């Protein structure tokens, strides 16, 4: 399975899939083989049918889990070993019909103001006010902030795409506040290191 696994990952790279999607799809094929204790070349169409029925009726897969399994396995058979199965064409994961929990504006403000550490409050405030994904907010860098034109540049977002996001003035002020605090902390640390060298190495 290892050579096929590497070939599948290479095929995913050539198709432009992100690193996280590559991992999810490769794991989907690995879990299929582990379920039947067979190499992929010995998986039959009846096996595929039984596997997705097992996921639906026994494991109670969520729609997102079913979608990842279907897309990963279908990619492997269609592109890596070029052995398409008719069964994979009519499998359709269900959809969640529950309504999302949406906080009101006052609830969000109360939640953000209850965060004591400035860096966490600034990070979550930026994610909320700019509509960022969690990973986009945690990987934001100084060079991604254009204060003159009032937007953030998000690099290598979902689908390996770059995009610009409007930056509210209040959020910009928070980011500046965090930058000043961060520089002060860094400056204090440098001063402490110099003091240590002076005391112990006069």
N, C-alpha and C. Protein backbone atom coordinates (compact mmCIF):
# COMPACT_ATOMS: atom_id res chain seq x y z
N UNK A 1 0.83 -1.21 0.00
CA UNK A 1 0.00 0.00 0.00
C UNK A 1 0.87 1.26 0.00
N UNK A 2 2.08 1.18 0.55
CA UNK A 2 2.87 2.39 0.67
C UNK A 2 3.17 3.04 -0.66
N UNK A 3 3.63 2.30 -1.70
CA UNK A 3 3.86 2.97 -2.99
C UNK A 3 2.60 3.62 -3.54
N UNK A 4 1.45 2.96 -3.41
CA UNK A 4 0.20 3.53 -3.88
C UNK A 4 -0.18 4.76 -3.06
N UNK A 5 0.12 4.73 -1.76
CA UNK A 5 -0.18 5.88 -0.91
C UNK A 5 0.61 7.10 -1.38
N UNK A 6 1.89 6.87 -1.66
CA UNK A 6 2.72 7.97 -2.12
C UNK A 6 2.26 8.47 -3.49
N UNK A 7 1.87 7.53 -4.36
CA UNK A 7 1.39 7.93 -5.68
C UNK A 7 0.09 8.74 -5.57
N UNK A 8 -0.78 8.31 -4.66
CA UNK A 8 -2.03 9.04 -4.47
C UNK A 8 -1.75 10.45 -3.98
N UNK A 9 -0.82 10.58 -3.04
CA UNK A 9 -0.48 11.92 -2.52
C UNK A 9 0.10 12.79 -3.63
N UNK A 10 0.92 12.19 -4.50
CA UNK A 10 1.47 12.94 -5.63
C UNK A 10 0.36 13.37 -6.60
N UNK A 11 -0.60 12.46 -6.83
CA UNK A 11 -1.72 12.79 -7.71
C UNK A 11 -2.53 13.96 -7.14
N UNK A 12 -2.72 13.94 -5.83
CA UNK A 12 -3.46 15.02 -5.17
C UNK A 12 -2.70 16.34 -5.29
N UNK A 13 -1.38 16.28 -5.16
CA UNK A 13 -0.57 17.48 -5.31
C UNK A 13 -0.68 18.04 -6.73
N UNK A 14 -0.63 17.15 -7.72
CA UNK A 14 -0.74 17.59 -9.11
C UNK A 14 -2.10 18.22 -9.40
N UNK A 15 -3.12 17.75 -8.69
CA UNK A 15 -4.47 18.30 -8.88
C UNK A 15 -4.67 19.59 -8.09
N UNK A 16 -3.69 19.96 -7.27
CA UNK A 16 -3.75 21.23 -6.55
C UNK A 16 -4.47 21.17 -5.22
N UNK A 17 -4.62 19.98 -4.63
CA UNK A 17 -5.28 19.87 -3.34
C UNK A 17 -4.34 20.34 -2.23
N UNK A 18 -4.92 20.91 -1.18
CA UNK A 18 -4.13 21.41 -0.06
C UNK A 18 -3.55 20.24 0.74
N UNK A 19 -2.57 20.55 1.59
CA UNK A 19 -1.92 19.52 2.41
C UNK A 19 -2.93 18.82 3.32
N UNK A 20 -3.82 19.59 3.92
CA UNK A 20 -4.80 18.99 4.83
C UNK A 20 -5.75 18.06 4.09
N UNK A 21 -6.17 18.45 2.87
CA UNK A 21 -7.06 17.59 2.09
C UNK A 21 -6.33 16.33 1.65
N UNK A 22 -5.08 16.46 1.30
CA UNK A 22 -4.29 15.27 0.94
C UNK A 22 -4.29 14.26 2.08
N UNK A 23 -4.05 14.75 3.28
CA UNK A 23 -4.00 13.86 4.45
C UNK A 23 -5.35 13.19 4.69
N UNK A 24 -6.44 13.96 4.59
CA UNK A 24 -7.78 13.41 4.81
C UNK A 24 -8.10 12.33 3.79
N UNK A 25 -7.80 12.57 2.53
CA UNK A 25 -8.14 11.61 1.47
C UNK A 25 -7.30 10.34 1.57
N UNK A 26 -6.01 10.49 1.86
CA UNK A 26 -5.15 9.31 2.01
C UNK A 26 -5.61 8.48 3.21
N UNK A 27 -5.97 9.15 4.30
CA UNK A 27 -6.46 8.43 5.48
C UNK A 27 -7.77 7.70 5.19
N UNK A 28 -8.61 8.28 4.34
CA UNK A 28 -9.88 7.63 3.99
C UNK A 28 -9.63 6.29 3.32
N UNK A 29 -8.65 6.24 2.42
CA UNK A 29 -8.32 4.98 1.74
C UNK A 29 -7.67 4.00 2.72
N UNK A 30 -6.82 4.51 3.59
CA UNK A 30 -6.18 3.64 4.59
C UNK A 30 -7.22 3.00 5.50
N UNK A 31 -8.21 3.76 5.94
CA UNK A 31 -9.24 3.22 6.82
C UNK A 31 -10.09 2.17 6.11
N UNK A 32 -10.33 2.37 4.82
CA UNK A 32 -11.07 1.37 4.03
C UNK A 32 -10.30 0.05 4.00
N UNK A 33 -9.01 0.11 3.72
CA UNK A 33 -8.20 -1.11 3.65
C UNK A 33 -8.09 -1.79 5.02
N UNK A 34 -7.96 -0.99 6.07
CA UNK A 34 -7.88 -1.56 7.42
C UNK A 34 -9.19 -2.22 7.82
N UNK A 35 -10.31 -1.66 7.36
CA UNK A 35 -11.61 -2.23 7.71
C UNK A 35 -11.74 -3.65 7.18
N UNK A 36 -11.29 -3.89 5.95
CA UNK A 36 -11.40 -5.22 5.35
C UNK A 36 -10.12 -6.03 5.47
N UNK A 37 -9.06 -5.39 6.01
CA UNK A 37 -7.75 -6.04 6.11
C UNK A 37 -7.31 -6.56 4.74
N UNK A 38 -7.45 -5.68 3.73
CA UNK A 38 -7.08 -6.04 2.36
C UNK A 38 -6.29 -4.90 1.74
N UNK A 39 -5.40 -5.23 0.80
CA UNK A 39 -4.80 -4.14 0.00
C UNK A 39 -5.84 -3.57 -0.94
N UNK A 40 -5.65 -2.36 -1.42
CA UNK A 40 -6.69 -1.73 -2.25
C UNK A 40 -7.00 -2.49 -3.53
N UNK A 41 -6.02 -3.22 -4.06
CA UNK A 41 -6.26 -3.97 -5.29
C UNK A 41 -7.24 -5.11 -5.13
N UNK A 42 -7.46 -5.54 -3.89
CA UNK A 42 -8.39 -6.66 -3.65
C UNK A 42 -9.76 -6.19 -3.16
N UNK A 43 -9.93 -4.88 -3.02
CA UNK A 43 -11.23 -4.34 -2.64
C UNK A 43 -12.20 -4.50 -3.81
N UNK A 44 -13.37 -5.06 -3.53
CA UNK A 44 -14.37 -5.27 -4.58
C UNK A 44 -15.46 -4.20 -4.49
N UNK A 45 -16.29 -4.16 -5.53
CA UNK A 45 -17.39 -3.20 -5.50
C UNK A 45 -18.38 -3.54 -4.40
N UNK A 46 -18.56 -4.82 -4.12
CA UNK A 46 -19.44 -5.22 -3.02
C UNK A 46 -18.87 -4.76 -1.68
N UNK A 47 -17.53 -4.81 -1.57
CA UNK A 47 -16.88 -4.29 -0.36
C UNK A 47 -17.19 -2.81 -0.16
N UNK A 48 -17.09 -2.05 -1.24
CA UNK A 48 -17.38 -0.62 -1.14
C UNK A 48 -18.82 -0.38 -0.69
N UNK A 49 -19.73 -1.13 -1.25
CA UNK A 49 -21.14 -0.99 -0.88
C UNK A 49 -21.33 -1.28 0.60
N UNK A 50 -20.73 -2.39 1.07
CA UNK A 50 -20.85 -2.76 2.48
C UNK A 50 -20.19 -1.73 3.39
N UNK A 51 -19.08 -1.16 2.93
CA UNK A 51 -18.34 -0.21 3.75
C UNK A 51 -19.16 1.06 4.01
N UNK A 52 -19.78 1.57 2.98
CA UNK A 52 -20.56 2.80 3.16
C UNK A 52 -21.87 2.54 3.89
N UNK A 53 -22.43 1.35 3.75
CA UNK A 53 -23.60 0.99 4.56
C UNK A 53 -23.21 0.86 6.03
N UNK A 54 -22.02 0.31 6.28
CA UNK A 54 -21.50 0.20 7.65
C UNK A 54 -21.31 1.59 8.26
N UNK A 55 -20.73 2.49 7.47
CA UNK A 55 -20.52 3.84 7.97
C UNK A 55 -21.83 4.54 8.27
N UNK A 56 -22.84 4.32 7.43
CA UNK A 56 -24.12 4.99 7.60
C UNK A 56 -24.94 4.40 8.75
N UNK A 57 -25.02 3.08 8.82
CA UNK A 57 -25.94 2.42 9.75
C UNK A 57 -25.31 2.03 11.08
N UNK A 58 -24.02 1.75 11.09
CA UNK A 58 -23.36 1.29 12.31
C UNK A 58 -22.54 2.43 12.95
N UNK A 59 -21.64 3.01 12.17
CA UNK A 59 -20.79 4.07 12.71
C UNK A 59 -21.51 5.42 12.81
N UNK A 60 -22.64 5.53 12.10
CA UNK A 60 -23.42 6.78 12.11
C UNK A 60 -22.55 7.97 11.71
N UNK A 61 -21.88 7.82 10.57
CA UNK A 61 -21.04 8.91 10.09
C UNK A 61 -21.83 10.19 9.92
N UNK A 62 -21.20 11.28 10.25
CA UNK A 62 -21.78 12.59 9.94
C UNK A 62 -21.68 12.83 8.44
N UNK A 63 -22.47 13.77 7.91
CA UNK A 63 -22.36 14.07 6.47
C UNK A 63 -20.95 14.46 6.05
N UNK A 64 -20.25 15.22 6.89
CA UNK A 64 -18.89 15.63 6.53
C UNK A 64 -17.93 14.44 6.49
N UNK A 65 -18.07 13.52 7.43
CA UNK A 65 -17.23 12.32 7.44
C UNK A 65 -17.52 11.47 6.21
N UNK A 66 -18.79 11.31 5.87
CA UNK A 66 -19.17 10.53 4.68
C UNK A 66 -18.61 11.16 3.42
N UNK A 67 -18.67 12.49 3.35
CA UNK A 67 -18.18 13.19 2.17
C UNK A 67 -16.68 13.00 1.99
N UNK A 68 -15.92 13.11 3.09
CA UNK A 68 -14.47 12.92 3.02
C UNK A 68 -14.14 11.50 2.58
N UNK A 69 -14.84 10.51 3.16
CA UNK A 69 -14.59 9.11 2.80
C UNK A 69 -14.90 8.87 1.33
N UNK A 70 -16.04 9.38 0.87
CA UNK A 70 -16.44 9.18 -0.52
C UNK A 70 -15.46 9.86 -1.48
N UNK A 71 -15.12 11.12 -1.22
CA UNK A 71 -14.24 11.86 -2.12
C UNK A 71 -12.84 11.26 -2.16
N UNK A 72 -12.33 10.86 -0.98
CA UNK A 72 -10.99 10.29 -0.93
C UNK A 72 -10.91 8.96 -1.65
N UNK A 73 -11.88 8.08 -1.39
CA UNK A 73 -11.88 6.76 -2.02
C UNK A 73 -12.13 6.87 -3.52
N UNK A 74 -13.05 7.74 -3.90
CA UNK A 74 -13.34 7.94 -5.32
C UNK A 74 -12.12 8.49 -6.06
N UNK A 75 -11.43 9.44 -5.45
CA UNK A 75 -10.22 9.98 -6.08
C UNK A 75 -9.20 8.87 -6.29
N UNK A 76 -9.01 8.04 -5.28
CA UNK A 76 -8.01 6.97 -5.38
C UNK A 76 -8.32 6.02 -6.53
N UNK A 77 -9.56 5.56 -6.61
CA UNK A 77 -9.91 4.60 -7.66
C UNK A 77 -9.98 5.25 -9.04
N UNK A 78 -10.44 6.48 -9.11
CA UNK A 78 -10.59 7.14 -10.41
C UNK A 78 -9.25 7.60 -10.98
N UNK A 79 -8.38 8.16 -10.12
CA UNK A 79 -7.19 8.83 -10.63
C UNK A 79 -5.89 8.06 -10.37
N UNK A 80 -5.78 7.41 -9.22
CA UNK A 80 -4.52 6.77 -8.88
C UNK A 80 -4.38 5.40 -9.53
N UNK A 81 -5.40 4.56 -9.41
CA UNK A 81 -5.30 3.24 -10.05
C UNK A 81 -6.25 3.11 -11.24
N UNK A 82 -6.99 4.21 -11.54
CA UNK A 82 -7.84 4.26 -12.74
C UNK A 82 -8.75 3.04 -12.84
N UNK A 83 -9.54 2.90 -11.78
CA UNK A 83 -10.46 1.76 -11.70
C UNK A 83 -11.78 2.27 -11.12
N UNK A 84 -12.55 3.01 -11.91
CA UNK A 84 -13.80 3.59 -11.39
C UNK A 84 -14.85 2.53 -11.08
N UNK A 85 -15.61 2.78 -10.01
CA UNK A 85 -16.67 1.87 -9.59
C UNK A 85 -18.03 2.56 -9.76
N UNK A 86 -19.01 1.91 -10.38
CA UNK A 86 -20.36 2.50 -10.48
C UNK A 86 -20.98 2.79 -9.12
N UNK A 87 -20.65 1.97 -8.13
CA UNK A 87 -21.24 2.18 -6.79
C UNK A 87 -20.94 3.58 -6.26
N UNK A 88 -19.74 4.08 -6.54
CA UNK A 88 -19.34 5.38 -6.01
C UNK A 88 -20.10 6.53 -6.66
N UNK A 89 -20.78 6.26 -7.77
CA UNK A 89 -21.47 7.32 -8.47
C UNK A 89 -22.81 7.68 -7.85
N UNK A 90 -23.45 6.70 -7.17
CA UNK A 90 -24.78 7.01 -6.63
C UNK A 90 -24.80 7.15 -5.11
N UNK A 91 -23.63 7.05 -4.45
CA UNK A 91 -23.58 7.29 -3.01
C UNK A 91 -23.67 8.79 -2.76
N UNK A 92 -24.61 9.20 -1.94
CA UNK A 92 -24.80 10.62 -1.64
C UNK A 92 -24.90 10.80 -0.13
N UNK A 93 -23.88 11.43 0.48
CA UNK A 93 -23.97 11.68 1.93
C UNK A 93 -25.15 12.59 2.25
N UNK A 94 -25.79 12.34 3.39
CA UNK A 94 -26.90 13.20 3.81
C UNK A 94 -26.40 14.57 4.23
N UNK A 95 -27.35 15.45 4.47
CA UNK A 95 -27.01 16.80 4.89
C UNK A 95 -27.61 17.10 6.26
N UNK A 96 -26.84 17.81 7.08
CA UNK A 96 -27.36 18.27 8.36
C UNK A 96 -28.41 19.35 8.13
N UNK A 97 -29.52 19.26 8.84
CA UNK A 97 -30.58 20.25 8.68
C UNK A 97 -30.79 21.07 9.95
N UNK A 98 -29.82 20.97 10.87
CA UNK A 98 -29.93 21.74 12.11
C UNK A 98 -29.53 23.19 11.86
N UNK A 99 -30.15 24.09 12.59
CA UNK A 99 -29.83 25.50 12.48
C UNK A 99 -28.58 25.82 13.29
N UNK A 100 -27.70 26.69 12.79
CA UNK A 100 -26.50 27.04 13.55
C UNK A 100 -26.84 27.91 14.75
N UNK A 101 -26.00 27.84 15.77
CA UNK A 101 -26.15 28.71 16.94
C UNK A 101 -25.46 30.04 16.62
N UNK A 102 -26.22 31.11 16.62
CA UNK A 102 -25.68 32.43 16.28
C UNK A 102 -25.82 33.34 17.50
N UNK A 103 -24.68 33.87 17.95
CA UNK A 103 -24.70 34.79 19.09
C UNK A 103 -25.09 36.18 18.63
N UNK A 104 -25.80 36.90 19.49
CA UNK A 104 -26.13 38.29 19.20
C UNK A 104 -24.91 39.17 19.36
N UNK A 105 -25.01 40.42 18.87
CA UNK A 105 -23.87 41.33 18.93
C UNK A 105 -23.46 41.61 20.36
N UNK A 106 -24.42 41.82 21.25
CA UNK A 106 -24.09 42.09 22.65
C UNK A 106 -23.42 40.87 23.30
N UNK A 107 -23.89 39.67 22.94
CA UNK A 107 -23.30 38.45 23.49
C UNK A 107 -21.85 38.30 23.04
N UNK A 108 -21.59 38.62 21.77
CA UNK A 108 -20.23 38.52 21.26
C UNK A 108 -19.33 39.52 21.97
N UNK A 109 -19.79 40.77 22.11
CA UNK A 109 -18.99 41.79 22.79
C UNK A 109 -18.71 41.40 24.24
N UNK A 110 -19.72 40.87 24.90
CA UNK A 110 -19.54 40.44 26.30
C UNK A 110 -18.52 39.31 26.38
N UNK A 111 -18.59 38.38 25.43
CA UNK A 111 -17.66 37.26 25.42
C UNK A 111 -16.22 37.73 25.18
N UNK A 112 -16.04 38.62 24.21
CA UNK A 112 -14.70 39.09 23.89
C UNK A 112 -14.10 39.92 25.03
N UNK A 113 -14.94 40.75 25.68
CA UNK A 113 -14.44 41.59 26.76
C UNK A 113 -14.14 40.78 28.03
N UNK A 114 -14.63 39.55 28.09
CA UNK A 114 -14.35 38.71 29.27
C UNK A 114 -12.99 38.01 29.16
N UNK A 115 -12.34 38.11 27.99
CA UNK A 115 -11.03 37.47 27.79
C UNK A 115 -9.96 38.39 28.37
N UNK A 116 -9.22 37.88 29.32
CA UNK A 116 -8.27 38.73 30.06
C UNK A 116 -6.98 38.99 29.29
N UNK A 117 -6.40 37.96 28.70
CA UNK A 117 -5.13 38.14 28.01
C UNK A 117 -5.35 38.89 26.71
N UNK A 118 -4.59 39.96 26.53
CA UNK A 118 -4.78 40.83 25.38
C UNK A 118 -4.60 40.10 24.06
N UNK A 119 -3.57 39.26 23.96
CA UNK A 119 -3.28 38.62 22.67
C UNK A 119 -4.42 37.70 22.23
N UNK A 120 -5.09 37.04 23.20
CA UNK A 120 -6.21 36.18 22.84
C UNK A 120 -7.43 37.01 22.45
N UNK A 121 -7.65 38.10 23.18
CA UNK A 121 -8.78 38.96 22.86
C UNK A 121 -8.62 39.60 21.48
N UNK A 122 -7.39 40.02 21.17
CA UNK A 122 -7.14 40.63 19.86
C UNK A 122 -7.31 39.60 18.75
N UNK A 123 -6.80 38.41 18.96
CA UNK A 123 -6.89 37.35 17.94
C UNK A 123 -8.35 37.01 17.64
N UNK A 124 -9.14 36.76 18.68
CA UNK A 124 -10.54 36.38 18.48
C UNK A 124 -11.36 37.55 17.94
N UNK A 125 -11.05 38.76 18.37
CA UNK A 125 -11.75 39.93 17.85
C UNK A 125 -11.49 40.11 16.36
N UNK A 126 -10.25 39.88 15.95
CA UNK A 126 -9.89 39.98 14.53
C UNK A 126 -10.60 38.91 13.71
N UNK A 127 -10.62 37.69 14.21
CA UNK A 127 -11.31 36.60 13.51
C UNK A 127 -12.79 36.93 13.34
N UNK A 128 -13.40 37.44 14.41
CA UNK A 128 -14.84 37.74 14.36
C UNK A 128 -15.15 38.91 13.44
N UNK A 129 -14.43 40.02 13.61
CA UNK A 129 -14.77 41.24 12.87
C UNK A 129 -14.42 41.14 11.39
N UNK A 130 -13.43 40.31 11.05
CA UNK A 130 -13.00 40.18 9.65
C UNK A 130 -13.56 38.93 8.98
N UNK A 131 -14.29 38.11 9.73
CA UNK A 131 -14.88 36.91 9.14
C UNK A 131 -13.84 35.90 8.70
N UNK A 132 -12.81 35.70 9.52
CA UNK A 132 -11.73 34.79 9.16
C UNK A 132 -12.01 33.37 9.66
N UNK A 133 -11.41 32.42 9.00
CA UNK A 133 -11.36 31.06 9.54
C UNK A 133 -10.38 31.06 10.70
N UNK A 134 -10.52 30.08 11.59
CA UNK A 134 -9.67 30.03 12.79
C UNK A 134 -8.19 29.96 12.39
N UNK A 135 -7.86 29.10 11.43
CA UNK A 135 -6.47 28.95 11.02
C UNK A 135 -5.94 30.22 10.39
N UNK A 136 -6.80 30.97 9.69
CA UNK A 136 -6.37 32.23 9.08
C UNK A 136 -6.02 33.25 10.13
N UNK A 137 -6.80 33.29 11.20
CA UNK A 137 -6.53 34.24 12.27
C UNK A 137 -5.27 33.91 13.05
N UNK A 138 -5.05 32.64 13.33
CA UNK A 138 -3.88 32.25 14.12
C UNK A 138 -2.58 32.35 13.33
N UNK A 139 -2.65 32.36 12.00
CA UNK A 139 -1.45 32.45 11.17
C UNK A 139 -1.23 33.86 10.60
N UNK A 140 -2.02 34.82 11.06
CA UNK A 140 -1.90 36.18 10.57
C UNK A 140 -0.56 36.79 10.98
N UNK A 141 0.11 37.48 10.05
CA UNK A 141 1.41 38.09 10.32
C UNK A 141 1.33 39.60 10.08
N UNK A 142 2.33 40.30 10.59
CA UNK A 142 2.35 41.75 10.46
C UNK A 142 2.31 42.19 9.01
N UNK A 143 3.04 41.47 8.14
CA UNK A 143 3.09 41.87 6.74
C UNK A 143 1.77 41.66 6.01
N UNK A 144 0.81 40.96 6.67
CA UNK A 144 -0.51 40.76 6.06
C UNK A 144 -1.46 41.92 6.33
N UNK A 145 -1.02 42.88 7.15
CA UNK A 145 -1.90 44.00 7.54
C UNK A 145 -1.55 45.23 6.73
N UNK A 146 -2.50 45.72 5.96
CA UNK A 146 -2.32 46.96 5.20
C UNK A 146 -3.18 48.03 5.86
N UNK A 147 -2.58 48.78 6.78
CA UNK A 147 -3.34 49.77 7.54
C UNK A 147 -3.72 50.98 6.68
N UNK A 148 -2.90 51.30 5.68
CA UNK A 148 -3.19 52.46 4.83
C UNK A 148 -4.46 52.25 4.00
N UNK A 149 -4.59 51.07 3.43
CA UNK A 149 -5.74 50.78 2.58
C UNK A 149 -6.87 50.07 3.33
N UNK A 150 -6.60 49.67 4.57
CA UNK A 150 -7.65 49.11 5.41
C UNK A 150 -8.09 47.72 5.05
N UNK A 151 -7.14 46.80 4.82
CA UNK A 151 -7.53 45.41 4.59
C UNK A 151 -6.41 44.46 5.04
N UNK A 152 -6.79 43.20 5.21
CA UNK A 152 -5.85 42.12 5.51
C UNK A 152 -5.65 41.30 4.24
N UNK A 153 -4.45 40.81 4.05
CA UNK A 153 -4.17 39.88 2.96
C UNK A 153 -4.04 38.49 3.55
N UNK A 154 -4.95 37.61 3.19
CA UNK A 154 -4.94 36.23 3.68
C UNK A 154 -4.23 35.37 2.64
N UNK A 155 -3.12 34.77 3.03
CA UNK A 155 -2.32 33.97 2.13
C UNK A 155 -2.67 32.49 2.22
N UNK A 156 -2.71 31.85 1.09
CA UNK A 156 -2.90 30.39 1.01
C UNK A 156 -4.10 29.94 1.85
N UNK A 157 -5.23 30.56 1.59
CA UNK A 157 -6.45 30.19 2.29
C UNK A 157 -7.01 28.89 1.71
N UNK A 158 -8.27 28.61 1.97
CA UNK A 158 -8.87 27.38 1.48
C UNK A 158 -8.78 27.33 -0.04
N UNK A 159 -8.32 26.19 -0.55
CA UNK A 159 -8.11 26.07 -1.99
C UNK A 159 -6.81 26.70 -2.45
N UNK A 160 -5.89 26.99 -1.48
CA UNK A 160 -4.60 27.61 -1.79
C UNK A 160 -4.76 28.95 -2.50
N UNK A 161 -5.78 29.72 -2.10
CA UNK A 161 -6.05 31.00 -2.72
C UNK A 161 -5.73 32.15 -1.76
N UNK A 162 -5.24 33.25 -2.32
CA UNK A 162 -5.05 34.48 -1.54
C UNK A 162 -6.31 35.35 -1.68
N UNK A 163 -6.59 36.13 -0.65
CA UNK A 163 -7.74 37.03 -0.73
C UNK A 163 -7.52 38.24 0.17
N UNK A 164 -8.23 39.33 -0.13
CA UNK A 164 -8.22 40.53 0.69
C UNK A 164 -9.50 40.59 1.52
N UNK A 165 -9.35 41.02 2.77
CA UNK A 165 -10.48 41.11 3.70
C UNK A 165 -10.50 42.52 4.29
N UNK A 166 -11.65 43.20 4.27
CA UNK A 166 -11.73 44.54 4.88
C UNK A 166 -11.35 44.50 6.36
N UNK A 167 -10.61 45.52 6.79
CA UNK A 167 -10.14 45.60 8.17
C UNK A 167 -10.79 46.80 8.85
N UNK A 168 -11.73 46.55 9.78
CA UNK A 168 -12.38 47.66 10.49
C UNK A 168 -11.37 48.48 11.30
N UNK A 169 -11.66 49.78 11.45
CA UNK A 169 -10.76 50.66 12.16
C UNK A 169 -10.56 50.24 13.61
N UNK A 170 -11.64 49.81 14.29
CA UNK A 170 -11.52 49.38 15.68
C UNK A 170 -10.61 48.16 15.81
N UNK A 171 -10.71 47.26 14.85
CA UNK A 171 -9.84 46.07 14.87
C UNK A 171 -8.39 46.47 14.64
N UNK A 172 -8.18 47.42 13.74
CA UNK A 172 -6.82 47.91 13.50
C UNK A 172 -6.22 48.51 14.77
N UNK A 173 -7.02 49.27 15.52
CA UNK A 173 -6.53 49.85 16.77
C UNK A 173 -6.15 48.77 17.77
N UNK A 174 -6.96 47.69 17.82
CA UNK A 174 -6.64 46.56 18.70
C UNK A 174 -5.33 45.91 18.30
N UNK A 175 -5.14 45.72 17.00
CA UNK A 175 -3.90 45.12 16.52
C UNK A 175 -2.69 45.99 16.85
N UNK A 176 -2.86 47.31 16.74
CA UNK A 176 -1.78 48.22 17.11
C UNK A 176 -1.48 48.15 18.60
N UNK A 177 -2.54 48.02 19.39
CA UNK A 177 -2.37 47.90 20.84
C UNK A 177 -1.58 46.64 21.19
N UNK A 178 -1.91 45.54 20.51
CA UNK A 178 -1.19 44.29 20.73
C UNK A 178 0.27 44.42 20.29
N UNK A 179 0.50 45.12 19.19
CA UNK A 179 1.87 45.29 18.70
C UNK A 179 2.72 46.08 19.69
N UNK A 180 2.14 47.15 20.26
CA UNK A 180 2.86 47.95 21.26
C UNK A 180 3.17 47.10 22.49
N UNK A 181 2.17 46.35 22.96
CA UNK A 181 2.38 45.50 24.13
C UNK A 181 3.43 44.44 23.85
N UNK A 182 3.38 43.85 22.65
CA UNK A 182 4.33 42.81 22.29
C UNK A 182 5.76 43.36 22.24
N UNK A 183 5.91 44.56 21.67
CA UNK A 183 7.24 45.17 21.58
C UNK A 183 7.76 45.52 22.97
N UNK A 184 6.87 45.96 23.86
CA UNK A 184 7.29 46.28 25.22
C UNK A 184 7.77 45.04 25.96
N UNK A 185 7.03 43.94 25.78
CA UNK A 185 7.43 42.69 26.43
C UNK A 185 8.78 42.23 25.90
N UNK A 186 8.93 42.30 24.55
CA UNK A 186 10.20 41.90 23.96
C UNK A 186 11.33 42.80 24.43
N UNK A 187 11.04 44.12 24.53
CA UNK A 187 12.06 45.05 24.98
C UNK A 187 12.47 44.80 26.42
N UNK A 188 11.49 44.49 27.29
CA UNK A 188 11.79 44.18 28.68
C UNK A 188 12.64 42.92 28.80
N UNK A 189 12.35 41.95 27.96
CA UNK A 189 13.13 40.70 27.99
C UNK A 189 14.57 40.96 27.59
N UNK A 190 14.78 41.81 26.58
CA UNK A 190 16.14 42.15 26.16
C UNK A 190 16.89 42.89 27.27
N UNK A 191 16.19 43.85 27.89
CA UNK A 191 16.81 44.59 28.99
C UNK A 191 17.19 43.65 30.14
N UNK A 192 16.32 42.66 30.43
CA UNK A 192 16.61 41.71 31.50
C UNK A 192 17.83 40.86 31.15
N UNK A 193 17.93 40.45 29.91
CA UNK A 193 19.09 39.66 29.49
C UNK A 193 20.38 40.46 29.62
N UNK A 194 20.32 41.76 29.23
CA UNK A 194 21.50 42.61 29.36
C UNK A 194 21.88 42.79 30.83
N UNK A 195 20.85 42.93 31.69
CA UNK A 195 21.10 43.09 33.14
C UNK A 195 21.76 41.83 33.70
N UNK A 196 21.28 40.65 33.25
CA UNK A 196 21.87 39.40 33.72
C UNK A 196 23.34 39.32 33.33
N UNK A 197 23.64 39.66 32.08
CA UNK A 197 25.03 39.60 31.62
C UNK A 197 25.92 40.56 32.42
N UNK A 198 25.35 41.72 32.78
CA UNK A 198 26.12 42.73 33.52
C UNK A 198 26.39 42.27 34.94
N UNK A 199 25.39 41.59 35.55
CA UNK A 199 25.53 41.14 36.95
C UNK A 199 26.49 39.97 37.04
N UNK A 200 26.30 38.98 36.14
CA UNK A 200 27.09 37.75 36.28
C UNK A 200 28.38 37.77 35.48
N UNK A 201 28.49 38.73 34.55
CA UNK A 201 29.72 38.83 33.75
C UNK A 201 30.15 40.28 33.67
N UNK A 202 30.54 40.87 34.79
CA UNK A 202 30.92 42.30 34.82
C UNK A 202 32.21 42.54 34.01
